[in-house]
Amino acid sequence: MIKQTYANSANKAKKGLFFIVLAFFLVSCGGGHQYAWRKAGVPASVAADVASECRYQIGVNKISNSERKQLFVDCMQGKGFRWR
């Protein structure tokens, strides 16, 4: 009985270690380039302000939901930002 309990806890420890290593691997692989609206020489805080302004302009006008995404992209690109 003791041997079986020890074997079960050893298997659980191996499984736990496997999942920890797997999680670390997945997180390290996903740590690459993060996409955002960017413009040369412009900080992220300004990009967030411009994005907010674009969303506001779209929200004020009666725009269908199907058109909102493309209008947002057009607005940001029109202000010189690119999705990178």
N, C-alpha and C. Protein backbone atom coordinates (compact mmCIF):
# COMPACT_ATOMS: atom_id res chain seq x y z
N MET A 1 0.82 -1.19 0.00
CA MET A 1 0.00 0.00 0.00
C MET A 1 0.86 1.25 0.00
N ILE A 2 1.92 1.26 0.79
CA ILE A 2 2.79 2.42 0.86
C ILE A 2 3.51 2.61 -0.48
N LYS A 3 3.95 1.51 -1.09
CA LYS A 3 4.62 1.61 -2.39
C LYS A 3 3.67 2.18 -3.44
N GLN A 4 2.41 1.76 -3.42
CA GLN A 4 1.43 2.24 -4.39
C GLN A 4 1.18 3.74 -4.17
N THR A 5 1.06 4.18 -2.93
CA THR A 5 0.85 5.59 -2.62
C THR A 5 2.05 6.40 -3.07
N TYR A 6 3.26 5.90 -2.82
CA TYR A 6 4.47 6.58 -3.25
C TYR A 6 4.52 6.68 -4.77
N ALA A 7 4.14 5.60 -5.46
CA ALA A 7 4.14 5.60 -6.93
C ALA A 7 3.13 6.61 -7.47
N ASN A 8 1.95 6.69 -6.86
CA ASN A 8 0.94 7.66 -7.28
C ASN A 8 1.42 9.08 -7.09
N SER A 9 2.05 9.38 -5.96
CA SER A 9 2.53 10.74 -5.72
C SER A 9 3.69 11.07 -6.65
N ALA A 10 4.51 10.10 -7.00
CA ALA A 10 5.61 10.33 -7.94
C ALA A 10 5.05 10.63 -9.33
N ASN A 11 4.01 9.90 -9.73
CA ASN A 11 3.39 10.16 -11.03
C ASN A 11 2.75 11.55 -11.05
N LYS A 12 2.09 11.93 -9.96
CA LYS A 12 1.48 13.26 -9.89
C LYS A 12 2.55 14.34 -9.97
N ALA A 13 3.68 14.11 -9.31
CA ALA A 13 4.77 15.08 -9.35
C ALA A 13 5.33 15.21 -10.76
N LYS A 14 5.47 14.10 -11.46
CA LYS A 14 5.98 14.13 -12.84
C LYS A 14 5.01 14.86 -13.75
N LYS A 15 3.71 14.59 -13.57
CA LYS A 15 2.70 15.29 -14.38
C LYS A 15 2.72 16.78 -14.09
N GLY A 16 2.82 17.14 -12.82
CA GLY A 16 2.86 18.55 -12.43
C GLY A 16 4.07 19.25 -13.03
N LEU A 17 5.22 18.61 -12.97
CA LEU A 17 6.44 19.17 -13.54
C LEU A 17 6.30 19.32 -15.05
N PHE A 18 5.71 18.33 -15.68
CA PHE A 18 5.50 18.39 -17.14
C PHE A 18 4.65 19.61 -17.50
N PHE A 19 3.55 19.84 -16.77
CA PHE A 19 2.68 20.96 -17.09
C PHE A 19 3.34 22.30 -16.78
N ILE A 20 4.18 22.36 -15.77
CA ILE A 20 4.91 23.59 -15.48
C ILE A 20 5.90 23.89 -16.61
N VAL A 21 6.62 22.89 -17.05
CA VAL A 21 7.56 23.08 -18.16
C VAL A 21 6.82 23.45 -19.43
N LEU A 22 5.70 22.81 -19.69
CA LEU A 22 4.89 23.11 -20.87
C LEU A 22 4.39 24.55 -20.82
N ALA A 23 3.88 24.98 -19.67
CA ALA A 23 3.39 26.35 -19.53
C ALA A 23 4.53 27.35 -19.74
N PHE A 24 5.69 27.09 -19.18
CA PHE A 24 6.84 27.98 -19.37
C PHE A 24 7.22 28.06 -20.84
N PHE A 25 7.23 26.93 -21.52
CA PHE A 25 7.56 26.89 -22.94
C PHE A 25 6.57 27.71 -23.76
N LEU A 26 5.29 27.55 -23.50
CA LEU A 26 4.27 28.28 -24.25
C LEU A 26 4.35 29.78 -23.99
N VAL A 27 4.60 30.17 -22.77
CA VAL A 27 4.72 31.59 -22.46
C VAL A 27 5.95 32.18 -23.12
N SER A 28 7.05 31.46 -23.12
CA SER A 28 8.27 31.99 -23.72
C SER A 28 8.15 32.09 -25.24
N CYS A 29 7.40 31.21 -25.85
CA CYS A 29 7.20 31.28 -27.30
C CYS A 29 6.28 32.44 -27.67
N GLY A 30 5.35 32.77 -26.83
CA GLY A 30 4.39 33.82 -27.12
C GLY A 30 4.90 35.21 -26.79
N GLY A 31 6.11 35.33 -26.31
CA GLY A 31 6.63 36.61 -25.87
C GLY A 31 7.26 37.42 -26.99
N GLY A 32 6.96 37.12 -28.22
CA GLY A 32 7.55 37.83 -29.34
C GLY A 32 6.94 39.20 -29.53
N HIS A 33 6.93 39.64 -30.73
CA HIS A 33 6.45 40.97 -31.09
C HIS A 33 4.96 41.12 -30.78
N GLN A 34 4.62 42.21 -30.12
CA GLN A 34 3.22 42.49 -29.83
C GLN A 34 2.72 43.53 -30.82
N TYR A 35 1.65 43.22 -31.49
CA TYR A 35 1.10 44.13 -32.49
C TYR A 35 0.33 45.26 -31.82
N ALA A 36 0.45 46.43 -32.39
CA ALA A 36 -0.26 47.61 -31.90
C ALA A 36 -0.25 48.65 -33.01
N TRP A 37 -1.08 49.68 -32.84
CA TRP A 37 -1.06 50.78 -33.79
C TRP A 37 0.18 51.61 -33.50
N ARG A 38 1.05 51.77 -34.50
CA ARG A 38 2.31 52.47 -34.31
C ARG A 38 2.52 53.53 -35.39
N LYS A 39 3.24 54.55 -34.98
CA LYS A 39 3.64 55.63 -35.89
C LYS A 39 5.00 56.09 -35.42
N ALA A 40 5.93 56.25 -36.35
CA ALA A 40 7.30 56.62 -36.00
C ALA A 40 7.32 57.88 -35.14
N GLY A 41 8.03 57.80 -34.03
CA GLY A 41 8.20 58.95 -33.16
C GLY A 41 7.01 59.28 -32.28
N VAL A 42 6.01 58.45 -32.28
CA VAL A 42 4.79 58.72 -31.50
C VAL A 42 4.68 57.69 -30.38
N PRO A 43 4.57 58.14 -29.13
CA PRO A 43 4.45 57.18 -28.02
C PRO A 43 3.10 56.45 -28.03
N ALA A 44 3.08 55.33 -27.34
CA ALA A 44 1.87 54.50 -27.28
C ALA A 44 0.70 55.25 -26.66
N SER A 45 0.96 56.17 -25.74
CA SER A 45 -0.13 56.92 -25.11
C SER A 45 -0.85 57.80 -26.13
N VAL A 46 -0.12 58.36 -27.08
CA VAL A 46 -0.74 59.18 -28.12
C VAL A 46 -1.54 58.29 -29.06
N ALA A 47 -1.00 57.11 -29.38
CA ALA A 47 -1.72 56.16 -30.24
C ALA A 47 -3.04 55.77 -29.58
N ALA A 48 -3.03 55.59 -28.26
CA ALA A 48 -4.26 55.24 -27.54
C ALA A 48 -5.26 56.40 -27.60
N ASP A 49 -4.76 57.63 -27.50
CA ASP A 49 -5.65 58.80 -27.61
C ASP A 49 -6.28 58.90 -28.99
N VAL A 50 -5.48 58.66 -30.02
CA VAL A 50 -5.98 58.73 -31.39
C VAL A 50 -7.01 57.62 -31.62
N ALA A 51 -6.73 56.42 -31.11
CA ALA A 51 -7.67 55.31 -31.25
C ALA A 51 -8.99 55.64 -30.55
N SER A 52 -8.89 56.27 -29.40
CA SER A 52 -10.09 56.67 -28.67
C SER A 52 -10.88 57.70 -29.47
N GLU A 53 -10.18 58.63 -30.08
CA GLU A 53 -10.85 59.64 -30.91
C GLU A 53 -11.56 58.99 -32.10
N CYS A 54 -10.89 58.04 -32.75
CA CYS A 54 -11.51 57.34 -33.88
C CYS A 54 -12.76 56.59 -33.44
N ARG A 55 -12.67 55.90 -32.29
CA ARG A 55 -13.85 55.17 -31.78
C ARG A 55 -14.99 56.14 -31.47
N TYR A 56 -14.65 57.29 -30.91
CA TYR A 56 -15.67 58.28 -30.59
C TYR A 56 -16.36 58.77 -31.86
N GLN A 57 -15.57 59.09 -32.89
CA GLN A 57 -16.14 59.58 -34.14
C GLN A 57 -17.05 58.55 -34.78
N ILE A 58 -16.66 57.30 -34.70
CA ILE A 58 -17.49 56.23 -35.27
C ILE A 58 -18.76 56.07 -34.44
N GLY A 59 -18.63 56.18 -33.11
CA GLY A 59 -19.78 56.02 -32.22
C GLY A 59 -20.80 57.14 -32.35
N VAL A 60 -20.33 58.36 -32.60
CA VAL A 60 -21.23 59.51 -32.72
C VAL A 60 -22.10 59.38 -33.96
N ASN A 61 -21.51 58.90 -35.02
CA ASN A 61 -22.27 58.69 -36.26
C ASN A 61 -22.99 57.35 -36.19
N LYS A 62 -24.08 57.27 -36.87
CA LYS A 62 -24.84 56.02 -36.85
C LYS A 62 -24.27 55.08 -37.92
N ILE A 63 -23.30 54.29 -37.48
CA ILE A 63 -22.59 53.37 -38.37
C ILE A 63 -23.00 51.95 -38.00
N SER A 64 -23.26 51.14 -38.99
CA SER A 64 -23.63 49.75 -38.72
C SER A 64 -22.43 49.00 -38.13
N ASN A 65 -22.73 48.00 -37.34
CA ASN A 65 -21.66 47.21 -36.70
C ASN A 65 -20.74 46.56 -37.72
N SER A 66 -21.29 46.18 -38.86
CA SER A 66 -20.47 45.52 -39.88
C SER A 66 -19.43 46.46 -40.49
N GLU A 67 -19.67 47.76 -40.43
CA GLU A 67 -18.75 48.73 -41.03
C GLU A 67 -17.77 49.33 -40.01
N ARG A 68 -18.04 49.18 -38.74
CA ARG A 68 -17.24 49.85 -37.71
C ARG A 68 -15.76 49.46 -37.73
N LYS A 69 -15.47 48.18 -37.87
CA LYS A 69 -14.08 47.73 -37.83
C LYS A 69 -13.27 48.36 -38.96
N GLN A 70 -13.81 48.31 -40.17
CA GLN A 70 -13.08 48.86 -41.31
C GLN A 70 -12.94 50.38 -41.18
N LEU A 71 -13.97 51.05 -40.69
CA LEU A 71 -13.87 52.50 -40.49
C LEU A 71 -12.81 52.84 -39.45
N PHE A 72 -12.70 52.03 -38.42
CA PHE A 72 -11.68 52.26 -37.41
C PHE A 72 -10.29 52.12 -38.03
N VAL A 73 -10.09 51.07 -38.80
CA VAL A 73 -8.80 50.86 -39.48
C VAL A 73 -8.51 52.05 -40.41
N ASP A 74 -9.50 52.46 -41.17
CA ASP A 74 -9.32 53.60 -42.09
C ASP A 74 -8.97 54.87 -41.33
N CYS A 75 -9.63 55.10 -40.20
CA CYS A 75 -9.38 56.28 -39.39
C CYS A 75 -7.94 56.29 -38.88
N MET A 76 -7.49 55.16 -38.32
CA MET A 76 -6.12 55.09 -37.79
C MET A 76 -5.09 55.24 -38.91
N GLN A 77 -5.32 54.59 -40.03
CA GLN A 77 -4.38 54.71 -41.14
C GLN A 77 -4.38 56.12 -41.72
N GLY A 78 -5.53 56.75 -41.71
CA GLY A 78 -5.63 58.12 -42.20
C GLY A 78 -4.84 59.10 -41.33
N LYS A 79 -4.63 58.74 -40.09
CA LYS A 79 -3.86 59.59 -39.18
C LYS A 79 -2.39 59.17 -39.14
N GLY A 80 -2.01 58.27 -40.04
CA GLY A 80 -0.61 57.89 -40.17
C GLY A 80 -0.17 56.70 -39.36
N PHE A 81 -1.07 56.00 -38.70
CA PHE A 81 -0.72 54.83 -37.90
C PHE A 81 -0.81 53.56 -38.74
N ARG A 82 0.03 52.60 -38.38
CA ARG A 82 0.02 51.28 -39.05
C ARG A 82 -0.03 50.21 -37.99
N TRP A 83 -0.71 49.12 -38.29
CA TRP A 83 -0.82 47.98 -37.38
C TRP A 83 0.44 47.14 -37.52
N ARG A 84 1.32 47.24 -36.54
CA ARG A 84 2.61 46.53 -36.57
C ARG A 84 2.89 45.89 -35.24
